[in-house]
Amino acid sequence: MKIWTRTILAGASVLAAVGPAAAGDGYYVGLGAGWDNQNKVDLTAPLVPGSGTVSAHDGAIIAGTLGYKMPEMPIRLEFESGYDWHSINSATGSGGLTADANGHSNIASELVNALYDFPVAPGWNLYGGAGVGAGHVWFAPNLANSGDTISHVDHWGFMWQAIGGASLEIAPDVDLFADYRYRDAEARSTTQTPLFGPVTNRPITENVVMAGLRFYMFPPMSSAN
């Protein structure tokens, strides 16, 4: 953390010395990658009293964006396509008994984001916003010892995310950004399993920390005369 703090302060000092970079406006493309923590997924099965959960290892996420920053308002609208992947770690029953599990839990997301930029210093912005769209969930946990299926989801559903972060202009038309995202994929499905009967998964939620670059490629749309 101290290294990151010193690096950010050093970058701010350089920007202050040479003057602020020209703010990017108009159309941009972005690419980001980062760390993805998937919360425990709740499962319900009529044959098993109470609910169980499935846990996954932390994974990675990548996302690309195509957006537009309005020239006269601190608002950005963007289309984002992302993908994250995780390996299954364990399964816990309603009685607290935990068993080793394997498999995967991945999400492909197609979202439209609306973001508001808050200038805080020359070259620096804080931003916040949200996105809505669809997520394709591949959720396939199995018991490690027996190979029995716990759930199997291959399904599109409604998805949303909340976003908060900061950006730094490192060149006239290039932003470096870092943000936190809370993501919720509502792709519920019921799996018929030989061992547990019908198993229904609850929404899958994630905590994401992402960093990347935005490149402003085209000038803003000109106003009508």
Protein backbone atom coordinates (compact mmCIF):
# COMPACT_ATOMS: atom_id res chain seq x y z
CA MET A 1 0.00 0.00 0.00
CA LYS A 2 2.84 2.45 0.79
CA ILE A 3 4.43 1.73 -2.60
CA TRP A 4 1.13 2.49 -4.38
CA THR A 5 0.69 5.69 -2.38
CA ARG A 6 4.21 6.89 -3.21
CA THR A 7 3.72 6.05 -6.88
CA ILE A 8 0.45 7.98 -7.09
CA LEU A 9 1.95 10.99 -5.29
CA ALA A 10 4.97 10.95 -7.60
CA GLY A 11 2.69 10.89 -10.63
CA ALA A 12 0.67 13.79 -9.24
CA SER A 13 3.88 15.79 -8.68
CA VAL A 14 4.94 15.26 -12.28
CA LEU A 15 1.55 16.37 -13.57
CA ALA A 16 1.60 19.46 -11.34
CA ALA A 17 5.05 20.38 -12.68
CA VAL A 18 4.20 20.08 -16.37
CA GLY A 19 0.59 21.24 -16.15
CA PRO A 20 -2.64 19.25 -16.50
CA ALA A 21 -3.16 17.10 -19.54
CA ALA A 22 -5.92 18.11 -21.90
CA ALA A 23 -9.14 16.38 -20.88
CA GLY A 24 -10.31 13.66 -23.25
CA ASP A 25 -13.80 14.03 -24.68
CA GLY A 26 -15.87 12.19 -27.23
CA TYR A 27 -15.64 8.52 -28.17
CA TYR A 28 -13.24 6.20 -26.40
CA VAL A 29 -12.27 2.57 -26.06
CA GLY A 30 -11.11 1.01 -22.83
CA LEU A 31 -9.53 -2.17 -21.59
CA GLY A 32 -9.37 -3.30 -17.98
CA ALA A 33 -8.38 -6.35 -15.95
CA GLY A 34 -8.29 -7.23 -12.28
CA TRP A 35 -9.17 -9.35 -9.27
CA ASP A 36 -12.61 -10.91 -8.84
CA ASN A 37 -13.94 -12.24 -5.53
CA GLN A 38 -17.12 -14.26 -5.93
CA ASN A 39 -19.32 -14.45 -2.84
CA LYS A 40 -20.70 -17.80 -1.67
CA VAL A 41 -23.56 -18.98 -3.87
CA ASP A 42 -26.68 -20.06 -1.99
CA LEU A 43 -28.47 -23.21 -3.16
CA THR A 44 -31.87 -24.62 -2.22
CA ALA A 45 -33.08 -28.20 -2.65
CA PRO A 46 -36.46 -29.58 -1.43
CA LEU A 47 -34.83 -32.91 -0.52
CA VAL A 48 -32.22 -31.19 1.68
CA PRO A 49 -33.48 -29.20 4.69
CA GLY A 50 -32.27 -25.60 4.71
CA SER A 51 -29.85 -24.15 2.18
CA GLY A 52 -26.33 -25.01 1.15
CA THR A 53 -23.57 -22.86 -0.28
CA VAL A 54 -20.80 -23.25 -2.83
CA SER A 55 -17.54 -21.32 -2.53
CA ALA A 56 -15.13 -20.46 -5.35
CA HIS A 57 -11.51 -19.39 -5.38
CA ASP A 58 -10.78 -15.77 -6.23
CA GLY A 59 -10.40 -15.35 -9.96
CA ALA A 60 -9.64 -12.84 -12.70
CA ILE A 61 -11.77 -10.54 -14.82
CA ILE A 62 -11.21 -8.74 -18.11
CA ALA A 63 -13.48 -6.14 -19.71
CA GLY A 64 -13.51 -3.98 -22.82
CA THR A 65 -15.56 -0.83 -23.29
CA LEU A 66 -16.76 1.42 -26.08
CA GLY A 67 -18.00 4.73 -24.70
CA TYR A 68 -18.75 8.40 -25.18
CA LYS A 69 -17.81 11.25 -22.84
CA MET A 70 -20.05 14.28 -23.20
CA PRO A 71 -18.02 17.44 -23.90
CA GLU A 72 -20.16 19.83 -21.83
CA MET A 73 -21.21 17.54 -18.98
CA PRO A 74 -19.14 15.22 -16.75
CA ILE A 75 -21.13 12.19 -17.91
CA ARG A 76 -19.94 9.07 -19.70
CA LEU A 77 -22.07 6.38 -21.35
CA GLU A 78 -20.44 3.13 -22.36
CA PHE A 79 -21.06 -0.42 -23.51
CA GLU A 80 -18.98 -2.97 -21.61
CA SER A 81 -18.28 -6.59 -22.47
CA GLY A 82 -16.57 -8.63 -19.75
CA TYR A 83 -15.64 -12.14 -18.68
CA ASP A 84 -14.55 -13.56 -15.33
CA TRP A 85 -13.60 -17.08 -14.30
CA HIS A 86 -13.24 -19.04 -11.05
CA SER A 87 -12.54 -22.58 -9.93
CA ILE A 88 -14.86 -24.12 -7.34
CA ASN A 89 -13.37 -24.64 -3.88
CA SER A 90 -15.92 -26.29 -1.56
CA ALA A 91 -19.58 -27.00 -0.84
CA THR A 92 -21.24 -26.59 2.57
CA GLY A 93 -24.53 -28.19 3.61
CA SER A 94 -27.20 -26.69 5.84
CA GLY A 95 -25.75 -28.49 8.86
CA GLY A 96 -22.34 -26.86 8.37
CA LEU A 97 -20.63 -29.94 6.91
CA THR A 98 -18.12 -28.84 4.25
CA ALA A 99 -16.89 -31.07 1.43
CA ASP A 100 -14.24 -30.54 -1.23
CA ALA A 101 -15.70 -29.58 -4.58
CA ASN A 102 -14.42 -28.78 -8.06
CA GLY A 103 -15.76 -27.32 -11.27
CA HIS A 104 -16.07 -23.74 -12.44
CA SER A 105 -18.12 -20.58 -12.00
CA ASN A 106 -17.76 -18.10 -14.87
CA ILE A 107 -19.75 -15.08 -16.04
CA ALA A 108 -19.83 -13.33 -19.40
CA SER A 109 -21.39 -9.88 -19.07
CA GLU A 110 -22.86 -7.41 -21.57
CA LEU A 111 -23.67 -4.16 -19.75
CA VAL A 112 -24.48 -0.52 -20.43
CA ASN A 113 -22.87 1.82 -17.88
CA ALA A 114 -23.69 5.41 -16.97
CA LEU A 115 -20.93 7.23 -15.05
CA TYR A 116 -20.45 10.68 -13.54
CA ASP A 117 -16.96 12.21 -13.27
CA PHE A 118 -16.04 14.44 -10.31
CA PRO A 119 -12.89 16.54 -11.00
CA VAL A 120 -10.82 16.75 -7.79
CA ALA A 121 -7.42 18.06 -9.01
CA PRO A 122 -5.65 18.81 -12.29
CA GLY A 123 -5.64 15.57 -14.22
CA TRP A 124 -7.59 13.66 -11.52
CA ASN A 125 -11.22 12.53 -11.46
CA LEU A 126 -13.31 10.47 -9.11
CA TYR A 127 -16.27 8.74 -10.70
CA GLY A 128 -19.31 6.71 -9.80
CA GLY A 129 -22.17 5.06 -11.60
CA ALA A 130 -23.97 1.85 -12.41
CA GLY A 131 -24.57 -0.56 -15.24
CA VAL A 132 -27.41 -2.85 -16.32
CA GLY A 133 -27.64 -5.59 -18.89
CA ALA A 134 -27.32 -9.36 -19.12
CA GLY A 135 -24.98 -11.98 -17.75
CA HIS A 136 -24.36 -15.52 -18.99
CA VAL A 137 -23.57 -17.74 -16.00
CA TRP A 138 -21.68 -21.03 -16.29
CA PHE A 139 -21.93 -22.52 -12.80
CA ALA A 140 -20.97 -26.20 -12.53
CA PRO A 141 -19.85 -27.40 -9.08
CA ASN A 142 -19.33 -31.12 -8.37
CA LEU A 143 -18.37 -33.08 -5.26
CA ALA A 144 -14.64 -33.76 -5.60
CA ASN A 145 -14.62 -37.29 -4.11
CA SER A 146 -17.65 -38.74 -5.92
CA GLY A 147 -18.05 -36.47 -8.92
CA ASP A 148 -21.75 -36.02 -8.12
CA THR A 149 -23.31 -32.92 -9.67
CA ILE A 150 -24.31 -30.20 -7.21
CA SER A 151 -25.65 -27.76 -9.79
CA HIS A 152 -25.28 -27.01 -13.47
CA VAL A 153 -26.24 -23.57 -14.81
CA ASP A 154 -25.72 -22.43 -18.40
CA HIS A 155 -28.12 -19.53 -18.59
CA TRP A 156 -28.54 -15.83 -19.42
CA GLY A 157 -30.19 -13.51 -16.91
CA PHE A 158 -30.50 -9.90 -15.81
CA MET A 159 -27.27 -8.41 -14.42
CA TRP A 160 -26.31 -5.12 -12.82
CA GLN A 161 -23.27 -3.51 -11.22
CA ALA A 162 -22.37 -0.49 -9.09
CA ILE A 163 -19.06 1.28 -9.83
CA GLY A 164 -16.80 3.70 -7.96
CA GLY A 165 -13.26 4.67 -8.88
CA ALA A 166 -10.62 7.21 -9.85
CA SER A 167 -8.89 8.15 -13.09
CA LEU A 168 -5.69 10.00 -13.96
CA GLU A 169 -4.93 11.67 -17.31
CA ILE A 170 -1.50 10.32 -18.25
CA ALA A 171 -1.57 11.78 -21.79
CA PRO A 172 -3.84 14.23 -23.63
CA ASP A 173 -6.18 11.45 -24.75
CA VAL A 174 -5.34 8.59 -22.37
CA ASP A 175 -6.79 7.94 -18.89
CA LEU A 176 -5.43 5.46 -16.37
CA PHE A 177 -8.25 4.21 -14.14
CA ALA A 178 -8.82 1.98 -11.13
CA ASP A 179 -12.21 1.12 -9.64
CA TYR A 180 -14.29 -1.14 -7.41
CA ARG A 181 -17.41 -2.89 -8.69
CA TYR A 182 -20.18 -4.81 -6.99
CA ARG A 183 -21.76 -7.15 -9.56
CA ASP A 184 -24.99 -9.14 -9.35
CA ALA A 185 -25.99 -11.79 -11.90
CA GLU A 186 -29.61 -12.90 -11.52
CA ALA A 187 -29.29 -15.99 -13.74
CA ARG A 188 -31.22 -18.50 -11.64
CA SER A 189 -31.75 -22.06 -12.78
CA THR A 190 -32.89 -25.41 -11.38
CA THR A 191 -30.77 -28.53 -11.92
CA GLN A 192 -32.13 -32.07 -11.57
CA THR A 193 -29.41 -34.01 -9.72
CA PRO A 194 -29.37 -37.75 -8.82
CA LEU A 195 -28.11 -37.08 -5.27
CA PHE A 196 -29.88 -33.89 -4.19
CA GLY A 197 -32.96 -33.79 -6.42
CA PRO A 198 -33.85 -30.41 -7.93
CA VAL A 199 -31.28 -27.77 -6.90
CA THR A 200 -31.91 -24.06 -7.50
CA ASN A 201 -29.11 -21.50 -7.38
CA ARG A 202 -29.57 -17.99 -6.00
CA PRO A 203 -28.09 -14.89 -7.71
CA ILE A 204 -24.29 -14.78 -7.98
CA THR A 205 -22.61 -11.66 -6.58
CA GLU A 206 -19.03 -10.49 -6.93
CA ASN A 207 -16.58 -7.90 -5.60
CA VAL A 208 -14.20 -6.67 -8.30
CA VAL A 209 -11.11 -4.44 -8.28
CA MET A 210 -10.11 -3.45 -11.81
CA ALA A 211 -7.51 -1.21 -13.44
CA GLY A 212 -6.93 -0.25 -17.04
CA LEU A 213 -6.68 2.43 -19.72
CA ARG A 214 -9.15 4.52 -21.70
CA PHE A 215 -8.14 5.88 -25.13
CA TYR A 216 -10.10 8.79 -26.61
CA MET A 217 -10.09 8.03 -30.32
CA PHE A 218 -12.52 10.51 -31.90
CA PRO A 219 -13.53 14.13 -31.16
CA PRO A 220 -16.91 14.95 -29.57
CA MET A 221 -20.01 15.21 -31.72
CA SER A 222 -20.39 18.79 -32.92
CA SER A 223 -23.41 20.78 -31.79
CA ALA A 224 -26.04 21.67 -34.31
CA ASN A 225 -25.91 25.29 -35.45
